[in-house]
Protein backbone atom coordinates (compact mmCIF):
# COMPACT_ATOMS: atom_id res chain seq x y z
CA MET A 1 79.20 60.37 152.48
CA ASN A 2 81.47 63.71 152.24
CA PRO A 3 79.47 66.24 150.06
CA GLU A 4 82.25 67.22 148.10
CA LEU A 5 83.20 63.94 147.10
CA SER A 6 79.67 63.22 146.46
CA ARG A 7 79.51 66.11 143.99
CA LEU A 8 82.73 65.22 142.38
CA GLN A 9 81.32 61.88 141.73
CA GLN A 10 78.41 63.14 139.96
CA ILE A 11 80.54 65.06 137.73
CA GLY A 12 82.97 62.22 136.75
CA ASP A 13 79.58 60.05 135.69
CA ALA A 14 78.43 62.94 133.72
CA LEU A 15 81.91 63.57 131.85
CA ALA A 16 81.55 59.79 131.52
CA LEU A 17 78.64 59.80 130.12
CA HIS A 18 78.43 63.05 128.22
CA GLY A 19 82.16 63.60 128.00
CA ARG A 20 82.13 62.97 123.88
CA GLU A 21 79.13 65.28 123.52
CA MET A 22 80.47 68.18 125.71
CA MET A 23 83.76 68.06 123.54
CA ILE A 24 82.48 68.11 120.39
CA ALA A 25 79.78 70.92 121.41
CA LEU A 26 82.96 73.06 122.45
CA ALA A 27 85.01 72.37 119.77
CA ILE A 28 81.98 73.97 117.38
CA LEU A 29 81.30 76.75 119.63
CA ILE A 30 85.23 77.67 119.93
CA LEU A 31 85.73 76.96 115.91
CA GLY A 32 82.57 78.37 114.81
CA LEU A 33 83.15 81.72 116.88
CA LEU A 34 86.84 82.02 115.40
CA ALA A 35 85.06 81.52 112.04
CA ALA A 36 82.51 83.75 112.21
CA ARG A 37 84.96 86.55 113.53
CA TRP A 38 87.46 86.16 110.47
CA ILE A 39 84.23 85.85 107.96
CA ASP A 40 83.10 89.24 109.68
CA ARG A 41 86.40 90.93 109.41
CA GLU A 42 87.04 89.90 105.76
CA LEU A 43 83.66 91.07 104.93
CA ARG A 44 83.71 94.39 106.20
CA ARG A 45 87.32 94.68 104.36
CA LEU A 46 85.52 93.64 101.09
CA LEU A 47 82.24 95.82 101.38
CA GLN A 48 84.72 98.79 102.25
CA ARG A 49 86.91 98.71 99.34
CA ALA A 50 84.11 97.46 97.03
CA LEU A 51 81.63 100.56 98.47
CA PRO A 52 84.09 103.12 100.23
CA LYS A 53 80.99 105.70 100.61
CA ALA A 54 78.32 103.26 101.68
CA GLY A 55 77.14 104.22 105.07
CA TYR A 56 75.07 100.84 105.85
CA ILE A 57 78.20 98.65 105.75
CA THR A 58 78.58 98.57 109.84
CA ALA A 59 74.86 97.48 110.23
CA THR A 60 74.81 94.81 107.55
CA CYS A 61 77.93 92.84 108.87
CA ASN A 62 77.01 93.39 112.34
CA VAL A 63 73.58 91.67 111.40
CA PHE A 64 75.42 88.92 109.30
CA TYR A 65 77.46 88.57 112.55
CA ILE A 66 74.69 87.83 115.03
CA LEU A 67 73.16 85.33 112.39
CA MET A 68 76.45 83.28 112.60
CA VAL A 69 76.69 83.42 116.12
CA THR A 70 73.43 82.29 116.08
CA PHE A 71 74.11 79.06 114.41
CA VAL A 72 76.96 78.29 115.61
CA VAL A 73 75.39 78.43 119.00
CA ALA A 74 72.43 76.45 117.77
CA VAL A 75 74.73 73.52 116.16
CA ALA A 76 76.93 73.29 119.43
CA ALA A 77 73.56 73.04 121.76
CA VAL A 78 72.14 70.53 119.34
CA GLU A 79 75.34 68.49 119.64
CA PHE A 80 75.36 68.76 123.31
CA GLY A 81 71.97 67.10 123.34
CA ALA A 82 69.42 69.73 123.19
CA LYS A 83 66.14 69.82 121.41
CA PRO A 84 66.80 71.29 117.90
CA ALA A 85 63.33 72.63 117.51
CA ASN A 86 63.02 74.35 121.34
CA ILE A 87 67.04 75.73 120.41
CA PHE A 88 66.28 77.30 117.22
CA ARG A 89 63.30 78.66 118.38
CA LEU A 90 65.06 80.56 121.57
CA LEU A 91 67.69 81.62 119.28
CA THR A 92 65.65 83.01 116.41
CA ILE A 93 63.89 85.06 118.92
CA ILE A 94 67.08 86.38 120.07
CA ALA A 95 68.44 87.23 116.93
CA LEU A 96 65.50 88.72 116.04
CA VAL A 97 65.27 91.07 118.75
CA ALA A 98 69.38 92.05 118.39
CA VAL A 99 68.78 92.38 114.81
CA GLY A 100 65.94 94.48 114.85
CA LEU A 101 67.79 96.86 118.09
CA ILE A 102 70.87 97.25 115.41
CA LEU A 103 68.43 98.21 113.08
CA PHE A 104 66.14 100.73 114.56
CA LEU A 105 67.94 101.71 117.32
CA ARG A 106 71.52 102.19 116.13
CA PRO A 107 70.74 105.62 114.31
CA LEU A 108 69.90 106.73 117.62
CA PHE A 109 73.51 106.36 119.27
CA PRO A 110 76.19 108.66 118.49
CA SER A 111 78.67 107.35 116.10
CA MET A 112 82.06 108.24 115.64
CA PRO A 113 82.93 110.39 112.58
CA PHE A 114 85.61 107.77 111.33
CA LYS A 115 86.84 104.44 111.10
CA ALA A 116 90.00 102.31 111.76
CA GLY A 117 92.83 103.16 109.43
CA ASN A 118 91.54 107.03 108.78
CA THR A 119 94.01 109.39 109.08
CA VAL A 120 92.01 112.59 111.49
CA LYS A 121 93.06 115.27 113.54
CA ALA A 122 90.94 115.23 116.35
CA GLY A 123 91.78 118.51 118.67
CA ASP A 124 95.31 118.98 118.76
CA LEU A 125 96.36 115.43 117.68
CA LEU A 126 96.99 114.29 114.25
CA GLY A 127 97.47 110.38 113.30
CA LYS A 128 96.13 107.65 112.05
CA VAL A 129 92.97 105.11 114.14
CA GLU A 130 93.92 102.12 115.16
CA ALA A 131 90.94 100.98 116.67
CA ILE A 132 87.90 102.05 117.88
CA THR A 133 86.03 100.72 121.14
CA PHE A 134 83.02 101.60 123.25
CA LEU A 135 85.27 103.94 125.35
CA ASN A 136 87.91 105.27 123.63
CA THR A 137 90.12 105.54 120.24
CA ARG A 138 93.17 104.62 119.84
CA LEU A 139 95.02 107.39 117.86
CA ARG A 140 98.81 106.84 116.69
CA THR A 141 100.71 110.32 115.82
CA PHE A 142 103.03 110.00 112.92
CA ASP A 143 106.15 110.36 115.08
CA GLY A 144 105.36 107.33 116.74
CA LYS A 145 103.42 108.26 120.10
CA THR A 146 100.11 106.38 120.79
CA PHE A 147 96.92 108.34 122.11
CA PHE A 148 93.92 106.61 124.02
CA VAL A 149 91.37 109.42 123.25
CA PRO A 150 87.87 109.51 125.17
CA ASN A 151 85.24 109.07 122.70
CA ARG A 152 83.05 111.59 124.40
CA GLN A 153 85.81 114.08 124.38
CA ILE A 154 86.19 113.51 120.27
CA LEU A 155 82.52 113.74 119.96
CA ASN A 156 82.60 117.10 121.80
CA ASP A 157 85.21 118.80 119.53
CA ILE A 158 86.16 119.33 115.72
CA VAL A 159 87.25 116.18 114.10
CA ILE A 160 89.04 116.66 110.55
CA ASN A 161 89.07 113.04 108.31
CA TYR A 162 91.35 113.41 105.76
CA HIS A 163 89.94 110.03 104.28
CA PHE A 164 86.31 111.21 104.17
CA THR A 165 86.79 112.22 100.53
CA GLN A 166 88.97 110.51 97.79
CA THR A 167 91.02 113.71 96.94
CA ARG A 168 92.77 116.74 98.63
CA ARG A 169 94.30 119.64 97.25
CA VAL A 170 97.90 120.28 97.24
CA LYS A 171 99.24 123.93 97.92
CA VAL A 172 102.32 125.08 96.23
CA ASP A 173 103.13 128.68 97.24
CA VAL A 174 106.03 130.14 96.34
CA SER A 175 107.65 134.21 96.11
CA ILE A 176 109.51 135.84 93.52
CA ARG A 177 111.43 139.17 93.11
CA TYR A 178 109.44 142.07 91.08
CA ASP A 179 112.38 142.09 88.59
CA GLN A 180 111.33 138.68 87.44
CA ASP A 181 109.03 137.79 84.73
CA LEU A 182 105.63 137.03 86.47
CA LEU A 183 104.11 135.31 83.38
CA LYS A 184 106.94 133.06 82.60
CA ALA A 185 107.00 131.91 86.20
CA LYS A 186 103.62 131.21 86.40
CA ARG A 187 103.94 128.86 83.38
CA VAL A 188 106.70 127.24 84.92
CA LEU A 189 104.99 126.44 88.24
CA GLU A 190 102.06 125.20 86.37
CA ALA A 191 103.86 123.05 83.77
CA VAL A 192 105.61 121.51 87.68
CA MET A 193 102.19 120.38 88.55
CA THR A 194 101.04 119.53 85.12
CA GLU A 195 103.98 117.04 84.73
CA ASP A 196 103.46 115.01 87.69
CA ALA A 197 101.41 112.02 87.20
CA ARG A 198 99.76 112.15 90.21
CA VAL A 199 97.98 115.52 89.75
CA LYS A 200 94.63 115.19 88.95
CA THR A 201 93.31 116.42 85.38
CA LYS A 202 90.05 117.52 86.22
CA PRO A 203 90.10 120.00 88.17
CA GLY A 204 93.47 120.90 86.30
CA PRO A 205 96.33 122.69 88.49
CA MET A 206 96.03 126.40 88.43
CA VAL A 207 98.49 129.24 89.21
CA TYR A 208 97.53 132.42 91.18
CA VAL A 209 98.87 135.73 91.80
CA LEU A 210 97.98 135.66 95.95
CA ASN A 211 99.53 138.94 97.03
CA LEU A 212 101.97 142.16 96.12
CA ALA A 213 104.12 141.92 98.96
CA ALA A 214 106.83 144.22 100.38
CA SER A 215 109.74 142.66 98.23
CA ALA A 216 107.94 139.83 96.62
CA VAL A 217 105.27 138.37 94.58
CA GLU A 218 103.67 135.61 95.92
CA LEU A 219 102.43 132.77 93.63
CA GLY A 220 100.16 130.20 95.05
CA GLY A 221 99.90 126.97 92.72
CA ARG A 222 96.82 124.63 93.18
CA CYS A 223 96.21 120.87 92.42
CA TRP A 224 94.60 117.97 93.65
CA VAL A 225 95.66 114.61 94.27
CA ASP A 226 94.64 111.27 95.84
CA ASN A 227 94.41 111.20 99.63
CA LYS A 228 96.90 108.45 99.89
CA ASP A 229 99.75 110.56 97.68
CA TYR A 230 99.02 114.09 99.72
CA TRP A 231 102.33 114.17 101.75
CA VAL A 232 104.59 112.77 99.18
CA ALA A 233 103.14 114.40 96.32
CA ARG A 234 103.65 118.04 98.36
CA CYS A 235 106.67 117.88 99.30
CA GLU A 236 108.15 116.68 95.87
CA LEU A 237 106.07 119.16 94.20
CA LEU A 238 107.93 122.00 96.11
CA GLU A 239 111.18 120.61 95.19
CA LYS A 240 110.31 120.17 91.92
CA ALA A 241 109.60 123.83 92.05
CA LYS A 242 112.57 125.03 93.24
CA LEU A 243 115.07 123.13 90.78
CA ARG A 244 112.87 124.16 87.97
CA PHE A 245 113.14 127.88 88.82
CA ASP A 246 116.71 127.74 88.85
CA GLN A 247 116.85 126.06 86.22
CA GLU A 248 115.08 128.93 84.26
CA GLY A 249 116.81 131.45 85.98
CA ILE A 250 113.54 132.60 87.76
CA ARG A 251 114.97 134.03 91.62
CA PHE A 252 112.96 133.64 94.42
CA ALA A 253 112.39 136.39 96.73
CA PHE A 254 114.05 137.09 100.06
CA PRO A 255 113.74 139.73 102.83
CA GLN A 256 116.06 142.49 102.17
CA LEU A 257 116.79 146.15 103.02
CA ASP A 258 117.78 148.88 100.36
CA LEU A 259 119.75 151.67 101.30
CA HIS A 260 119.72 155.27 99.20
CA LEU A 261 122.70 157.37 99.68
CA ASN A 262 122.07 161.34 98.95
CA PRO A 263 125.53 162.34 98.92
CA GLY A 264 124.16 166.26 97.79
CA GLU A 265 121.82 166.74 100.97
CA GLY A 266 121.94 167.61 104.72
CA VAL A 267 124.88 168.98 106.21
CA GLU A 268 128.09 169.90 104.75
CA GLY A 269 130.43 167.03 104.52
CA GLN A 270 127.54 164.34 105.64
CA GLY A 271 125.12 162.52 103.42
CA ILE A 272 121.59 161.64 104.24
CA CYS A 273 120.95 157.76 104.10
CA SER A 274 117.26 156.45 103.26
CA ALA A 275 116.74 153.15 104.12
CA ALA A 276 113.38 151.31 102.43
CA VAL A 277 112.48 148.96 105.39
CA PRO A 278 110.50 146.14 104.08
CA ASN A 279 107.35 144.95 105.77
CA LYS A 280 107.83 142.70 108.65
CA GLU A 281 105.73 140.26 106.81
CA ALA A 282 108.00 139.76 103.97
CA GLY A 283 109.14 136.76 102.85
CA ARG A 284 106.57 134.77 104.88
CA GLN A 285 104.13 132.64 102.70
CA ALA A 286 100.99 134.32 102.48
CA GLU A 287 98.04 132.28 103.75
CA PRO A 288 95.75 131.81 100.73
CA ASP A 289 92.29 132.76 100.45
CA GLU A 290 90.80 129.24 100.92
CA THR A 291 87.72 130.09 98.52
CA ILE A 292 90.77 129.60 95.70
CA ALA A 293 89.97 126.12 93.66
C-alpha cells in the first residue's frame, strides 16, 4: 500500500474516532484564550483607573493572565482525553515557574517610563503612546504622524511623561507698558485665572513681575490644572487675559522706537536727533524662572 495513502487513512481513522473530542477541545482552547485576553484587558483598565499610581498592576495582571491560560489549556487537554492528574501537575509546574520568573526577575529588566495612552516627549518627538512592543514603541504625534521608535533609543534618551503626575502648571505671561497701573494689571490677571473652574485652588493662582525689560513690564501668571485640561486651559486663559485687559483699559507693550529732537543744539539750522533704541529682546516673552511655583 502507498505510504501516503496509509498515513491519510490513519488520520481519517483518528478523526472518526476522536473527532468530536478534538473539536470540543479546540473550541475550548480558542474561546478560553479569547476570554482570558478580554478579562486581562478589562482588569488592567479597571486597576489603572482605581489605582493610577500603583506600580504592581502590570505584574499582577501578568500573573493572573498566566493562571487563566493554564486553566484553559488544562481543560482543553482533559477534554481531548488526557489524564487530569498528569495535565494539572505539569501545567501547575509550568505556571509556578512562569510566575516566579515574572515576580523575581521582572525588576531586573528595564521597563519603559510610560504606558499606552500617556502623552510623552521622547527626544524630539511629542505625542501619544499607542502601543508598546518588545522591540519598539508606536507614538502618534499631534499632527497625525505615526512613529515606531526603537525601545533602546528611548531608554538611552531623556523622556518626559506628561501623565506621570495628575496636574500641570500653566504659564500665562503678558507684557504691559511702563505707564500702566502695575497693581491693577496683577489683580486682573489673577482674577482671570481664579474665575476659571479648571484652575486648582491649592496651590492657588499667583502673579509675579518676571522682568523689567527695555519697553515692557513682564508679568507671569502661574496656576495649576489637571493634565487632561492643560492645553485647552492654557489657550483659553491667554485669550481671556487679552480680552479682560482690553476691557479694563490696560495696554500691552510692543517694540517701539522713541525719537527726541533737540532743535537748539548742533549746527545752525540743524537739530540733533537722538533715538532711544530698544533692546533687541524687547517684546519677547521672558523665560520664567522654573523655581517659581
